[in-house]
Amino acid sequence: MRKITVLSDVALITCIVQRGAADKIIVAAKSAGAQGATVYFARGMGVRERLGILGVAVDVEKEVINIVVSSEQVERIFEKMYFAGNLDTPGMGIMYITRVEKAATYIPPEILERLKTTPDNTEEKK
């Protein structure tokens, strides 16, 4: 019988940066423990699109990075991504964390078994 393994102690880090900056940020996130990332392109709208020649609107292309991480990793990965993306510089982008109520994916049985035997994951906490 097929079962769903639900993860409830996770967060989503979303980082929106200038096109071309995502790779460096993802490398930093992975070095801090992230398992992977989803990247897609978007177009920004705001003050910066009016900065073209003679005030003509310019498309501002962005890269959006989404990474799902455990709650215990979120602060460390968030910090590494922030500094790798130079987000402390005006106009470089924005990053935020969203609480995830429920997520599901394949988790190898040996990892599930290890989680069951960890003191933090006792049956009493359910």
PDB file of N, CA and C in Angstrom:
ATOM      1  N   MET A   1       0.834  -1.180   0.000  1.00  0.00           N
ATOM      2  CA  MET A   1       0.000   0.000   0.000  1.00  0.00           C
ATOM      3  C   MET A   1       0.885   1.252   0.000  1.00  0.00           C
ATOM      4  N   ARG A   2       0.531   2.232  -0.771  1.00  0.00           N
ATOM      5  CA  ARG A   2       1.292   3.479  -0.852  1.00  0.00           C
ATOM      6  C   ARG A   2       0.897   4.418   0.281  1.00  0.00           C
ATOM      7  N   LYS A   3       1.895   5.090   0.849  1.00  0.00           N
ATOM      8  CA  LYS A   3       1.658   6.022   1.943  1.00  0.00           C
ATOM      9  C   LYS A   3       2.295   7.357   1.612  1.00  0.00           C
ATOM     10  N   ILE A   4       1.747   8.402   2.164  1.00  0.00           N
ATOM     11  CA  ILE A   4       2.323   9.733   2.013  1.00  0.00           C
ATOM     12  C   ILE A   4       3.131  10.045   3.267  1.00  0.00           C
ATOM     13  N   THR A   5       4.372  10.441   3.059  1.00  0.00           N
ATOM     14  CA  THR A   5       5.197  10.911   4.165  1.00  0.00           C
ATOM     15  C   THR A   5       5.083  12.423   4.185  1.00  0.00           C
ATOM     16  N   VAL A   6       4.494  12.953   5.248  1.00  0.00           N
ATOM     17  CA  VAL A   6       4.238  14.389   5.344  1.00  0.00           C
ATOM     18  C   VAL A   6       5.323  15.049   6.181  1.00  0.00           C
ATOM     19  N   LEU A   7       5.850  16.136   5.654  1.00  0.00           N
ATOM     20  CA  LEU A   7       6.818  16.947   6.377  1.00  0.00           C
ATOM     21  C   LEU A   7       6.088  18.181   6.880  1.00  0.00           C
ATOM     22  N   SER A   8       6.199  18.469   8.160  1.00  0.00           N
ATOM     23  CA  SER A   8       5.485  19.624   8.700  1.00  0.00           C
ATOM     24  C   SER A   8       6.413  20.637   9.373  1.00  0.00           C
ATOM     25  N   ASP A   9       7.670  20.293   9.494  1.00  0.00           N
ATOM     26  CA  ASP A   9       8.622  21.178  10.147  1.00  0.00           C
ATOM     27  C   ASP A   9       9.572  21.775   9.102  1.00  0.00           C
ATOM     28  N   VAL A  10       8.971  22.384   8.060  1.00  0.00           N
ATOM     29  CA  VAL A  10       9.760  22.936   6.961  1.00  0.00           C
ATOM     30  C   VAL A  10       9.331  24.366   6.648  1.00  0.00           C
ATOM     31  N   ALA A  11      10.204  25.068   5.941  1.00  0.00           N
ATOM     32  CA  ALA A  11       9.925  26.441   5.525  1.00  0.00           C
ATOM     33  C   ALA A  11      10.365  26.606   4.074  1.00  0.00           C
ATOM     34  N   LEU A  12       9.793  27.586   3.402  1.00  0.00           N
ATOM     35  CA  LEU A  12      10.137  27.907   2.027  1.00  0.00           C
ATOM     36  C   LEU A  12      10.901  29.228   2.016  1.00  0.00           C
ATOM     37  N   ILE A  13      12.121  29.192   1.504  1.00  0.00           N
ATOM     38  CA  ILE A  13      12.890  30.419   1.323  1.00  0.00           C
ATOM     39  C   ILE A  13      12.710  30.835  -0.131  1.00  0.00           C
ATOM     40  N   THR A  14      12.252  32.058  -0.345  1.00  0.00           N
ATOM     41  CA  THR A  14      12.104  32.616  -1.685  1.00  0.00           C
ATOM     42  C   THR A  14      13.051  33.795  -1.805  1.00  0.00           C
ATOM     43  N   CYS A  15      13.826  33.806  -2.882  1.00  0.00           N
ATOM     44  CA  CYS A  15      14.805  34.860  -3.112  1.00  0.00           C
ATOM     45  C   CYS A  15      14.607  35.378  -4.541  1.00  0.00           C
ATOM     46  N   ILE A  16      14.377  36.667  -4.694  1.00  0.00           N
ATOM     47  CA  ILE A  16      14.167  37.281  -6.007  1.00  0.00           C
ATOM     48  C   ILE A  16      15.345  38.208  -6.267  1.00  0.00           C
ATOM     49  N   VAL A  17      16.092  37.897  -7.335  1.00  0.00           N
ATOM     50  CA  VAL A  17      17.323  38.629  -7.625  1.00  0.00           C
ATOM     51  C   VAL A  17      17.415  38.986  -9.107  1.00  0.00           C
ATOM     52  N   GLN A  18      18.408  39.829  -9.435  1.00  0.00           N
ATOM     53  CA  GLN A  18      18.663  40.200 -10.818  1.00  0.00           C
ATOM     54  C   GLN A  18      19.041  38.943 -11.613  1.00  0.00           C
ATOM     55  N   ARG A  19      18.657  38.920 -12.886  1.00  0.00           N
ATOM     56  CA  ARG A  19      18.969  37.774 -13.734  1.00  0.00           C
ATOM     57  C   ARG A  19      20.483  37.553 -13.776  1.00  0.00           C
ATOM     58  N   GLY A  20      20.888  36.301 -13.594  1.00  0.00           N
ATOM     59  CA  GLY A  20      22.295  35.945 -13.607  1.00  0.00           C
ATOM     60  C   GLY A  20      22.894  35.744 -12.230  1.00  0.00           C
ATOM     61  N   ALA A  21      22.164  36.095 -11.187  1.00  0.00           N
ATOM     62  CA  ALA A  21      22.701  36.008  -9.822  1.00  0.00           C
ATOM     63  C   ALA A  21      22.333  34.709  -9.106  1.00  0.00           C
ATOM     64  N   ALA A  22      21.418  33.937  -9.643  1.00  0.00           N
ATOM     65  CA  ALA A  22      20.885  32.775  -8.925  1.00  0.00           C
ATOM     66  C   ALA A  22      21.913  31.685  -8.674  1.00  0.00           C
ATOM     67  N   ASP A  23      22.774  31.398  -9.635  1.00  0.00           N
ATOM     68  CA  ASP A  23      23.709  30.277  -9.479  1.00  0.00           C
ATOM     69  C   ASP A  23      24.590  30.427  -8.237  1.00  0.00           C
ATOM     70  N   LYS A  24      25.130  31.607  -8.031  1.00  0.00           N
ATOM     71  CA  LYS A  24      26.006  31.866  -6.881  1.00  0.00           C
ATOM     72  C   LYS A  24      25.240  31.680  -5.564  1.00  0.00           C
ATOM     73  N   ILE A  25      23.999  32.097  -5.544  1.00  0.00           N
ATOM     74  CA  ILE A  25      23.171  31.992  -4.339  1.00  0.00           C
ATOM     75  C   ILE A  25      22.837  30.532  -4.040  1.00  0.00           C
ATOM     76  N   ILE A  26      22.548  29.763  -5.089  1.00  0.00           N
ATOM     77  CA  ILE A  26      22.222  28.345  -4.910  1.00  0.00           C
ATOM     78  C   ILE A  26      23.439  27.568  -4.410  1.00  0.00           C
ATOM     79  N   VAL A  27      24.616  27.874  -4.937  1.00  0.00           N
ATOM     80  CA  VAL A  27      25.840  27.221  -4.455  1.00  0.00           C
ATOM     81  C   VAL A  27      26.021  27.483  -2.959  1.00  0.00           C
ATOM     82  N   ALA A  28      25.784  28.721  -2.534  1.00  0.00           N
ATOM     83  CA  ALA A  28      25.900  29.068  -1.112  1.00  0.00           C
ATOM     84  C   ALA A  28      24.865  28.313  -0.280  1.00  0.00           C
ATOM     85  N   ALA A  29      23.630  28.219  -0.779  1.00  0.00           N
ATOM     86  CA  ALA A  29      22.572  27.508  -0.051  1.00  0.00           C
ATOM     87  C   ALA A  29      22.918  26.031   0.090  1.00  0.00           C
ATOM     88  N   LYS A  30      23.400  25.422  -0.971  1.00  0.00           N
ATOM     89  CA  LYS A  30      23.769  24.006  -0.918  1.00  0.00           C
ATOM     90  C   LYS A  30      24.948  23.774   0.022  1.00  0.00           C
ATOM     91  N   SER A  31      25.893  24.704   0.059  1.00  0.00           N
ATOM     92  CA  SER A  31      27.028  24.556   0.975  1.00  0.00           C
ATOM     93  C   SER A  31      26.581  24.659   2.436  1.00  0.00           C
ATOM     94  N   ALA A  32      25.451  25.313   2.665  1.00  0.00           N
ATOM     95  CA  ALA A  32      24.907  25.455   4.019  1.00  0.00           C
ATOM     96  C   ALA A  32      23.951  24.325   4.388  1.00  0.00           C
ATOM     97  N   GLY A  33      23.699  23.392   3.446  1.00  0.00           N
ATOM     98  CA  GLY A  33      22.863  22.235   3.761  1.00  0.00           C
ATOM     99  C   GLY A  33      21.597  22.071   2.953  1.00  0.00           C
ATOM    100  N   ALA A  34      21.276  23.003   2.070  1.00  0.00           N
ATOM    101  CA  ALA A  34      20.073  22.856   1.240  1.00  0.00           C
ATOM    102  C   ALA A  34      20.256  21.679   0.279  1.00  0.00           C
ATOM    103  N   GLN A  35      19.180  20.969   0.011  1.00  0.00           N
ATOM    104  CA  GLN A  35      19.251  19.795  -0.858  1.00  0.00           C
ATOM    105  C   GLN A  35      19.125  20.140  -2.334  1.00  0.00           C
ATOM    106  N   GLY A  36      18.527  21.263  -2.649  1.00  0.00           N
ATOM    107  CA  GLY A  36      18.326  21.649  -4.041  1.00  0.00           C
ATOM    108  C   GLY A  36      17.513  22.925  -4.100  1.00  0.00           C
ATOM    109  N   ALA A  37      17.225  23.354  -5.314  1.00  0.00           N
ATOM    110  CA  ALA A  37      16.485  24.602  -5.490  1.00  0.00           C
ATOM    111  C   ALA A  37      15.693  24.552  -6.788  1.00  0.00           C
ATOM    112  N   THR A  38      14.654  25.354  -6.840  1.00  0.00           N
ATOM    113  CA  THR A  38      13.898  25.565  -8.060  1.00  0.00           C
ATOM    114  C   THR A  38      14.103  27.018  -8.461  1.00  0.00           C
ATOM    115  N   VAL A  39      14.459  27.243  -9.725  1.00  0.00           N
ATOM    116  CA  VAL A  39      14.698  28.593 -10.215  1.00  0.00           C
ATOM    117  C   VAL A  39      13.801  28.829 -11.423  1.00  0.00           C
ATOM    118  N   TYR A  40      13.176  29.994 -11.469  1.00  0.00           N
ATOM    119  CA  TYR A  40      12.412  30.368 -12.652  1.00  0.00           C
ATOM    120  C   TYR A  40      12.575  31.856 -12.902  1.00  0.00           C
ATOM    121  N   PHE A  41      12.237  32.264 -14.088  1.00  0.00           N
ATOM    122  CA  PHE A  41      12.405  33.659 -14.481  1.00  0.00           C
ATOM    123  C   PHE A  41      11.108  34.425 -14.301  1.00  0.00           C
ATOM    124  N   ALA A  42      11.246  35.697 -13.984  1.00  0.00           N
ATOM    125  CA  ALA A  42      10.092  36.570 -13.791  1.00  0.00           C
ATOM    126  C   ALA A  42      10.460  37.960 -14.296  1.00  0.00           C
ATOM    127  N   ARG A  43       9.486  38.811 -14.383  1.00  0.00           N
ATOM    128  CA  ARG A  43       9.716  40.195 -14.801  1.00  0.00           C
ATOM    129  C   ARG A  43       9.250  41.103 -13.682  1.00  0.00           C
ATOM    130  N   GLY A  44      10.125  42.002 -13.266  1.00  0.00           N
ATOM    131  CA  GLY A  44       9.791  42.908 -12.185  1.00  0.00           C
ATOM    132  C   GLY A  44       9.143  44.184 -12.701  1.00  0.00           C
ATOM    133  N   MET A  45       8.359  44.801 -11.861  1.00  0.00           N
ATOM    134  CA  MET A  45       7.723  46.078 -12.187  1.00  0.00           C
ATOM    135  C   MET A  45       7.939  46.998 -10.998  1.00  0.00           C
ATOM    136  N   GLY A  46       8.295  48.239 -11.275  1.00  0.00           N
ATOM    137  CA  GLY A  46       8.517  49.183 -10.188  1.00  0.00           C
ATOM    138  C   GLY A  46       9.331  50.362 -10.678  1.00  0.00           C
ATOM    139  N   VAL A  47      10.041  50.997  -9.782  1.00  0.00           N
ATOM    140  CA  VAL A  47      10.814  52.192 -10.092  1.00  0.00           C
ATOM    141  C   VAL A  47      11.855  51.916 -11.166  1.00  0.00           C
ATOM    142  N   ARG A  48      12.532  50.792 -11.098  1.00  0.00           N
ATOM    143  CA  ARG A  48      13.658  50.525 -11.987  1.00  0.00           C
ATOM    144  C   ARG A  48      13.263  50.415 -13.457  1.00  0.00           C
ATOM    145  N   GLU A  49      12.046  50.025 -13.797  1.00  0.00           N
ATOM    146  CA  GLU A  49      11.707  49.891 -15.220  1.00  0.00           C
ATOM    147  C   GLU A  49      11.554  51.236 -15.916  1.00  0.00           C
ATOM    148  N   ARG A  50      11.504  52.331 -15.170  1.00  0.00           N
ATOM    149  CA  ARG A  50      11.398  53.663 -15.776  1.00  0.00           C
ATOM    150  C   ARG A  50      12.766  54.294 -16.040  1.00  0.00           C
ATOM    151  N   LEU A  51      13.838  53.543 -15.798  1.00  0.00           N
ATOM    152  CA  LEU A  51      15.172  54.104 -15.895  1.00  0.00           C
ATOM    153  C   LEU A  51      15.802  53.948 -17.283  1.00  0.00           C
ATOM    154  N   GLY A  52      15.044  53.520 -18.256  1.00  0.00           N
ATOM    155  CA  GLY A  52      15.581  53.363 -19.606  1.00  0.00           C
ATOM    156  C   GLY A  52      15.840  54.699 -20.278  1.00  0.00           C
ATOM    157  N   ILE A  53      16.331  54.647 -21.518  1.00  0.00           N
ATOM    158  CA  ILE A  53      16.632  55.856 -22.292  1.00  0.00           C
ATOM    159  C   ILE A  53      15.375  56.713 -22.436  1.00  0.00           C
ATOM    160  N   LEU A  54      15.507  57.986 -22.129  1.00  0.00           N
ATOM    161  CA  LEU A  54      14.425  58.963 -22.232  1.00  0.00           C
ATOM    162  C   LEU A  54      13.190  58.577 -21.430  1.00  0.00           C
ATOM    163  N   GLY A  55      13.382  57.813 -20.364  1.00  0.00           N
ATOM    164  CA  GLY A  55      12.263  57.448 -19.503  1.00  0.00           C
ATOM    165  C   GLY A  55      11.373  56.360 -20.077  1.00  0.00           C
ATOM    166  N   VAL A  56      11.788  55.713 -21.165  1.00  0.00           N
ATOM    167  CA  VAL A  56      11.012  54.622 -21.757  1.00  0.00           C
ATOM    168  C   VAL A  56      11.122  53.407 -20.841  1.00  0.00           C
ATOM    169  N   ALA A  57      10.019  52.702 -20.642  1.00  0.00           N
ATOM    170  CA  ALA A  57      10.009  51.545 -19.744  1.00  0.00           C
ATOM    171  C   ALA A  57      10.949  50.452 -20.249  1.00  0.00           C
ATOM    172  N   VAL A  58      11.664  49.828 -19.311  1.00  0.00           N
ATOM    173  CA  VAL A  58      12.588  48.747 -19.621  1.00  0.00           C
ATOM    174  C   VAL A  58      12.138  47.524 -18.834  1.00  0.00           C
ATOM    175  N   ASP A  59      12.094  46.354 -19.480  1.00  0.00           N
ATOM    176  CA  ASP A  59      11.766  45.117 -18.772  1.00  0.00           C
ATOM    177  C   ASP A  59      12.896  44.786 -17.817  1.00  0.00           C
ATOM    178  N   VAL A  60      12.549  44.477 -16.601  1.00  0.00           N
ATOM    179  CA  VAL A  60      13.553  44.117 -15.604  1.00  0.00           C
ATOM    180  C   VAL A  60      13.384  42.626 -15.323  1.00  0.00           C
ATOM    181  N   GLU A  61      14.284  41.826 -15.881  1.00  0.00           N
ATOM    182  CA  GLU A  61      14.194  40.382 -15.712  1.00  0.00           C
ATOM    183  C   GLU A  61      14.795  39.957 -14.383  1.00  0.00           C
ATOM    184  N   LYS A  62      14.128  39.020 -13.740  1.00  0.00           N
ATOM    185  CA  LYS A  62      14.516  38.532 -12.416  1.00  0.00           C
ATOM    186  C   LYS A  62      14.643  37.016 -12.451  1.00  0.00           C
ATOM    187  N   GLU A  63      15.357  36.485 -11.477  1.00  0.00           N
ATOM    188  CA  GLU A  63      15.376  35.061 -11.215  1.00  0.00           C
ATOM    189  C   GLU A  63      14.768  34.862  -9.833  1.00  0.00           C
ATOM    190  N   VAL A  64      13.866  33.901  -9.732  1.00  0.00           N
ATOM    191  CA  VAL A  64      13.217  33.586  -8.460  1.00  0.00           C
ATOM    192  C   VAL A  64      13.715  32.210  -8.031  1.00  0.00           C
ATOM    193  N   ILE A  65      14.255  32.143  -6.831  1.00  0.00           N
ATOM    194  CA  ILE A  65      14.797  30.900  -6.273  1.00  0.00           C
ATOM    195  C   ILE A  65      13.876  30.451  -5.142  1.00  0.00           C
ATOM    196  N   ASN A  66      13.427  29.206  -5.196  1.00  0.00           N
ATOM    197  CA  ASN A  66      12.628  28.620  -4.116  1.00  0.00           C
ATOM    198  C   ASN A  66      13.383  27.427  -3.552  1.00  0.00           C
ATOM    199  N   ILE A  67      13.534  27.405  -2.232  1.00  0.00           N
ATOM    200  CA  ILE A  67      14.205  26.296  -1.564  1.00  0.00           C
ATOM    201  C   ILE A  67      13.386  25.911  -0.337  1.00  0.00           C
ATOM    202  N   VAL A  68      13.021  24.635  -0.240  1.00  0.00           N
ATOM    203  CA  VAL A  68      12.328  24.120   0.938  1.00  0.00           C
ATOM    204  C   VAL A  68      13.387  23.523   1.860  1.00  0.00           C
ATOM    205  N   VAL A  69      13.397  23.988   3.109  1.00  0.00           N
ATOM    206  CA  VAL A  69      14.403  23.537   4.080  1.00  0.00           C
ATOM    207  C   VAL A  69      13.728  23.203   5.410  1.00  0.00           C
ATOM    208  N   SER A  70      14.420  22.415   6.218  1.00  0.00           N
ATOM    209  CA  SER A  70      13.886  22.118   7.546  1.00  0.00           C
ATOM    210  C   SER A  70      13.971  23.367   8.407  1.00  0.00           C
ATOM    211  N   SER A  71      13.112  23.454   9.392  1.00  0.00           N
ATOM    212  CA  SER A  71      13.087  24.618  10.282  1.00  0.00           C
ATOM    213  C   SER A  71      14.411  24.813  11.011  1.00  0.00           C
ATOM    214  N   GLU A  72      15.114  23.726  11.294  1.00  0.00           N
ATOM    215  CA  GLU A  72      16.397  23.871  11.993  1.00  0.00           C
ATOM    216  C   GLU A  72      17.505  24.396  11.084  1.00  0.00           C
ATOM    217  N   GLN A  73      17.347  24.317   9.771  1.00  0.00           N
ATOM    218  CA  GLN A  73      18.349  24.813   8.820  1.00  0.00           C
ATOM    219  C   GLN A  73      18.040  26.208   8.295  1.00  0.00           C
ATOM    220  N   VAL A  74      16.830  26.666   8.469  1.00  0.00           N
ATOM    221  CA  VAL A  74      16.363  27.846   7.757  1.00  0.00           C
ATOM    222  C   VAL A  74      17.198  29.098   8.017  1.00  0.00           C
ATOM    223  N   GLU A  75      17.552  29.368   9.249  1.00  0.00           N
ATOM    224  CA  GLU A  75      18.315  30.592   9.539  1.00  0.00           C
ATOM    225  C   GLU A  75      19.707  30.565   8.918  1.00  0.00           C
ATOM    226  N   ARG A  76      20.385  29.427   9.016  1.00  0.00           N
ATOM    227  CA  ARG A  76      21.736  29.292   8.468  1.00  0.00           C
ATOM    228  C   ARG A  76      21.728  29.454   6.940  1.00  0.00           C
ATOM    229  N   ILE A  77      20.791  28.788   6.273  1.00  0.00           N
ATOM    230  CA  ILE A  77      20.719  28.856   4.810  1.00  0.00           C
ATOM    231  C   ILE A  77      20.297  30.254   4.357  1.00  0.00           C
ATOM    232  N   PHE A  78      19.330  30.842   5.051  1.00  0.00           N
ATOM    233  CA  PHE A  78      18.868  32.193   4.728  1.00  0.00           C
ATOM    234  C   PHE A  78      20.036  33.183   4.763  1.00  0.00           C
ATOM    235  N   GLU A  79      20.842  33.116   5.815  1.00  0.00           N
ATOM    236  CA  GLU A  79      21.977  34.030   5.970  1.00  0.00           C
ATOM    237  C   GLU A  79      23.000  33.847   4.846  1.00  0.00           C
ATOM    238  N   LYS A  80      23.332  32.595   4.530  1.00  0.00           N
ATOM    239  CA  LYS A  80      24.303  32.319   3.462  1.00  0.00           C
ATOM    240  C   LYS A  80      23.805  32.847   2.118  1.00  0.00           C
ATOM    241  N   MET A  81      22.515  32.647   1.833  1.00  0.00           N
ATOM    242  CA  MET A  81      21.938  33.131   0.577  1.00  0.00           C
ATOM    243  C   MET A  81      21.960  34.657   0.517  1.00  0.00           C
ATOM    244  N   TYR A  82      21.610  35.287   1.619  1.00  0.00           N
ATOM    245  CA  TYR A  82      21.561  36.752   1.695  1.00  0.00           C
ATOM    246  C   TYR A  82      22.905  37.369   1.338  1.00  0.00           C
ATOM    247  N   PHE A  83      23.971  36.876   1.959  1.00  0.00           N
ATOM    248  CA  PHE A  83      25.293  37.449   1.714  1.00  0.00           C
ATOM    249  C   PHE A  83      25.850  37.046   0.345  1.00  0.00           C
ATOM    250  N   ALA A  84      25.548  35.832  -0.117  1.00  0.00           N
ATOM    251  CA  ALA A  84      26.014  35.407  -1.446  1.00  0.00           C
ATOM    252  C   ALA A  84      25.389  36.255  -2.548  1.00  0.00           C
ATOM    253  N   GLY A  85      24.143  36.691  -2.327  1.00  0.00           N
ATOM    254  CA  GLY A  85      23.439  37.510  -3.307  1.00  0.00           C
ATOM    255  C   GLY A  85      23.663  39.002  -3.136  1.00  0.00           C
ATOM    256  N   ASN A  86      24.496  39.377  -2.162  1.00  0.00           N
ATOM    257  CA  ASN A  86      24.750  40.798  -1.877  1.00  0.00           C
ATOM    258  C   ASN A  86      23.443  41.567  -1.661  1.00  0.00           C
ATOM    259  N   LEU A  87      22.526  40.948  -0.948  1.00  0.00           N
ATOM    260  CA  LEU A  87      21.222  41.577  -0.737  1.00  0.00           C
ATOM    261  C   LEU A  87      21.273  42.737   0.249  1.00  0.00           C
ATOM    262  N   ASP A  88      22.454  42.977   0.820  1.00  0.00           N
ATOM    263  CA  ASP A  88      22.625  44.154   1.664  1.00  0.00           C
ATOM    264  C   ASP A  88      23.023  45.373   0.822  1.00  0.00           C
ATOM    265  N   THR A  89      22.929  45.236  -0.514  1.00  0.00           N
ATOM    266  CA  THR A  89      23.202  46.322  -1.458  1.00  0.00           C
ATOM    267  C   THR A  89      21.875  46.738  -2.105  1.00  0.00           C
ATOM    268  N   PRO A  90      21.591  48.043  -2.170  1.00  0.00           N
ATOM    269  CA  PRO A  90      20.327  48.485  -2.782  1.00  0.00           C
ATOM    270  C   PRO A  90      20.152  47.972  -4.218  1.00  0.00           C
ATOM    271  N   GLY A  91      18.930  47.510  -4.511  1.00  0.00           N
ATOM    272  CA  GLY A  91      18.585  47.069  -5.859  1.00  0.00           C
ATOM    273  C   GLY A  91      18.986  45.654  -6.210  1.00  0.00           C
ATOM    274  N   MET A  92      19.574  44.924  -5.281  1.00  0.00           N
ATOM    275  CA  MET A  92      20.047  43.570  -5.601  1.00  0.00           C
ATOM    276  C   MET A  92      18.945  42.511  -5.481  1.00  0.00           C
ATOM    277  N   GLY A  93      17.921  42.777  -4.701  1.00  0.00           N
ATOM    278  CA  GLY A  93      16.851  41.797  -4.601  1.00  0.00           C
ATOM    279  C   GLY A  93      16.208  41.777  -3.232  1.00  0.00           C
ATOM    280  N   ILE A  94      15.367  40.769  -3.050  1.00  0.00           N
ATOM    281  CA  ILE A  94      14.642  40.599  -1.787  1.00  0.00           C
ATOM    282  C   ILE A  94      14.536  39.108  -1.496  1.00  0.00           C
ATOM    283  N   MET A  95      14.463  38.777  -0.228  1.00  0.00           N
ATOM    284  CA  MET A  95      14.357  37.387   0.181  1.00  0.00           C
ATOM    285  C   MET A  95      13.409  37.298   1.368  1.00  0.00           C
ATOM    286  N   TYR A  96      12.624  36.226   1.429  1.00  0.00           N
ATOM    287  CA  TYR A  96      11.718  36.045   2.556  1.00  0.00           C
ATOM    288  C   TYR A  96      11.475  34.570   2.827  1.00  0.00           C
ATOM    289  N   ILE A  97      10.981  34.301   4.029  1.00  0.00           N
ATOM    290  CA  ILE A  97      10.699  32.936   4.470  1.00  0.00           C
ATOM    291  C   ILE A  97       9.194  32.787   4.658  1.00  0.00           C
ATOM    292  N   THR A  98       8.657  31.685   4.167  1.00  0.00           N
ATOM    293  CA  THR A  98       7.241  31.376   4.323  1.00  0.00           C
ATOM    294  C   THR A  98       7.117  30.044   5.062  1.00  0.00           C
ATOM    295  N   ARG A  99       6.288  30.020   6.082  1.00  0.00           N
ATOM    296  CA  ARG A  99       6.030  28.767   6.803  1.00  0.00           C
ATOM    297  C   ARG A  99       5.232  27.840   5.887  1.00  0.00           C
ATOM    298  N   VAL A 100       5.633  26.582   5.840  1.00  0.00           N
ATOM    299  CA  VAL A 100       4.942  25.583   5.019  1.00  0.00           C
ATOM    300  C   VAL A 100       4.135  24.691   5.958  1.00  0.00           C
ATOM    301  N   GLU A 101       2.851  24.642   5.740  1.00  0.00           N
ATOM    302  CA  GLU A 101       1.995  23.837   6.612  1.00  0.00           C
ATOM    303  C   GLU A 101       2.235  22.347   6.421  1.00  0.00           C
ATOM    304  N   LYS A 102       2.370  21.940   5.147  1.00  0.00           N
ATOM    305  CA  LYS A 102       2.535  20.516   4.866  1.00  0.00           C
ATOM    306  C   LYS A 102       3.268  20.368   3.537  1.00  0.00           C
ATOM    307  N   ALA A 103       4.223  19.446   3.482  1.00  0.00           N
ATOM    308  CA  ALA A 103       4.932  19.122   2.245  1.00  0.00           C
ATOM    309  C   ALA A 103       5.067  17.610   2.178  1.00  0.00           C
ATOM    310  N   ALA A 104       5.190  17.078   0.980  1.00  0.00           N
ATOM    311  CA  ALA A 104       5.344  15.639   0.814  1.00  0.00           C
ATOM    312  C   ALA A 104       6.310  15.353  -0.329  1.00  0.00           C
ATOM    313  N   THR A 105       7.170  14.383  -0.103  1.00  0.00           N
ATOM    314  CA  THR A 105       8.109  13.917  -1.119  1.00  0.00           C
ATOM    315  C   THR A 105       8.583  12.534  -0.721  1.00  0.00           C
ATOM    316  N   TYR A 106       9.335  11.894  -1.585  1.00  0.00           N
ATOM    317  CA  TYR A 106       9.894  10.586  -1.255  1.00  0.00           C
ATOM    318  C   TYR A 106      11.040  10.765  -0.266  1.00  0.00           C
ATOM    319  N   ILE A 107      11.014   9.969   0.784  1.00  0.00           N
ATOM    320  CA  ILE A 107      12.112   9.937   1.751  1.00  0.00           C
ATOM    321  C   ILE A 107      12.517   8.471   1.896  1.00  0.00           C
ATOM    322  N   PRO A 108      13.794   8.162   1.679  1.00  0.00           N
ATOM    323  CA  PRO A 108      14.240   6.762   1.776  1.00  0.00           C
ATOM    324  C   PRO A 108      13.896   6.150   3.127  1.00  0.00           C
ATOM    325  N   PRO A 109      13.510   4.859   3.146  1.00  0.00           N
ATOM    326  CA  PRO A 109      13.098   4.194   4.392  1.00  0.00           C
ATOM    327  C   PRO A 109      14.133   4.271   5.511  1.00  0.00           C
ATOM    328  N   GLU A 110      15.430   4.195   5.174  1.00  0.00           N
ATOM    329  CA  GLU A 110      16.459   4.227   6.229  1.00  0.00           C
ATOM    330  C   GLU A 110      16.494   5.584   6.930  1.00  0.00           C
ATOM    331  N   ILE A 111      16.183   6.652   6.228  1.00  0.00           N
ATOM    332  CA  ILE A 111      16.133   7.976   6.852  1.00  0.00           C
ATOM    333  C   ILE A 111      14.892   8.096   7.727  1.00  0.00           C
ATOM    334  N   LEU A 112      13.758   7.589   7.251  1.00  0.00           N
ATOM    335  CA  LEU A 112      12.528   7.597   8.063  1.00  0.00           C
ATOM    336  C   LEU A 112      12.738   6.814   9.361  1.00  0.00           C
ATOM    337  N   GLU A 113      13.409   5.685   9.262  1.00  0.00           N
ATOM    338  CA  GLU A 113      13.659   4.862  10.445  1.00  0.00           C
ATOM    339  C   GLU A 113      14.558   5.608  11.431  1.00  0.00           C
ATOM    340  N   ARG A 114      15.577   6.297  10.914  1.00  0.00           N
ATOM    341  CA  ARG A 114      16.478   7.071  11.766  1.00  0.00           C
ATOM    342  C   ARG A 114      15.722   8.195  12.469  1.00  0.00           C
ATOM    343  N   LEU A 115      14.775   8.830  11.767  1.00  0.00           N
ATOM    344  CA  LEU A 115      13.985   9.905  12.364  1.00  0.00           C
ATOM    345  C   LEU A 115      13.085   9.395  13.478  1.00  0.00           C
ATOM    346  N   LYS A 116      12.571   8.183  13.322  1.00  0.00           N
ATOM    347  CA  LYS A 116      11.699   7.603  14.346  1.00  0.00           C
ATOM    348  C   LYS A 116      12.457   7.328  15.642  1.00  0.00           C
ATOM    349  N   THR A 117      13.750   7.023  15.543  1.00  0.00           N
ATOM    350  CA  THR A 117      14.533   6.671  16.730  1.00  0.00           C
ATOM    351  C   THR A 117      15.226   7.868  17.369  1.00  0.00           C
ATOM    352  N   THR A 118      15.116   9.043  16.772  1.00  0.00           N
ATOM    353  CA  THR A 118      15.715  10.250  17.331  1.00  0.00           C
ATOM    354  C   THR A 118      14.879  10.714  18.517  1.00  0.00           C
ATOM    355  N   PRO A 119      15.488  11.170  19.623  1.00  0.00           N
ATOM    356  CA  PRO A 119      14.735  11.599  20.804  1.00  0.00           C
ATOM    357  C   PRO A 119      13.721  12.714  20.493  1.00  0.00           C
ATOM    358  N   ASP A 120      14.000  13.575  19.515  1.00  0.00           N
ATOM    359  CA  ASP A 120      13.082  14.671  19.190  1.00  0.00           C
ATOM    360  C   ASP A 120      11.810  14.211  18.489  1.00  0.00           C
ATOM    361  N   ASN A 121      11.776  12.969  18.029  1.00  0.00           N
ATOM    362  CA  ASN A 121      10.637  12.485  17.250  1.00  0.00           C
ATOM    363  C   ASN A 121       9.911  11.351  17.937  1.00  0.00           C
ATOM    364  N   THR A 122       9.660  11.467  19.208  1.00  0.00           N
ATOM    365  CA  THR A 122       8.980  10.420  19.951  1.00  0.00           C
ATOM    366  C   THR A 122       7.493  10.417  19.627  1.00  0.00           C
ATOM    367  N   GLU A 123       6.875   9.308  19.864  1.00  0.00           N
ATOM    368  CA  GLU A 123       5.435   9.176  19.608  1.00  0.00           C
ATOM    369  C   GLU A 123       4.608  10.135  20.452  1.00  0.00           C
ATOM    370  N   GLU A 124       5.116  10.511  21.628  1.00  0.00           N
ATOM    371  CA  GLU A 124       4.358  11.376  22.534  1.00  0.00           C
ATOM    372  C   GLU A 124       4.110  12.771  21.937  1.00  0.00           C
ATOM    373  N   LYS A 125       4.967  13.203  21.025  1.00  0.00           N
ATOM    374  CA  LYS A 125       4.825  14.546  20.455  1.00  0.00           C
ATOM    375  C   LYS A 125       3.693  14.655  19.455  1.00  0.00           C
ATOM    376  N   LYS A 126       3.133  13.565  19.002  1.00  0.00           N
ATOM    377  CA  LYS A 126       2.044  13.612  18.031  1.00  0.00           C
ATOM    378  C   LYS A 126       0.876  14.209  18.665  1.00  0.00           C
TER     379      LYS A 126
END
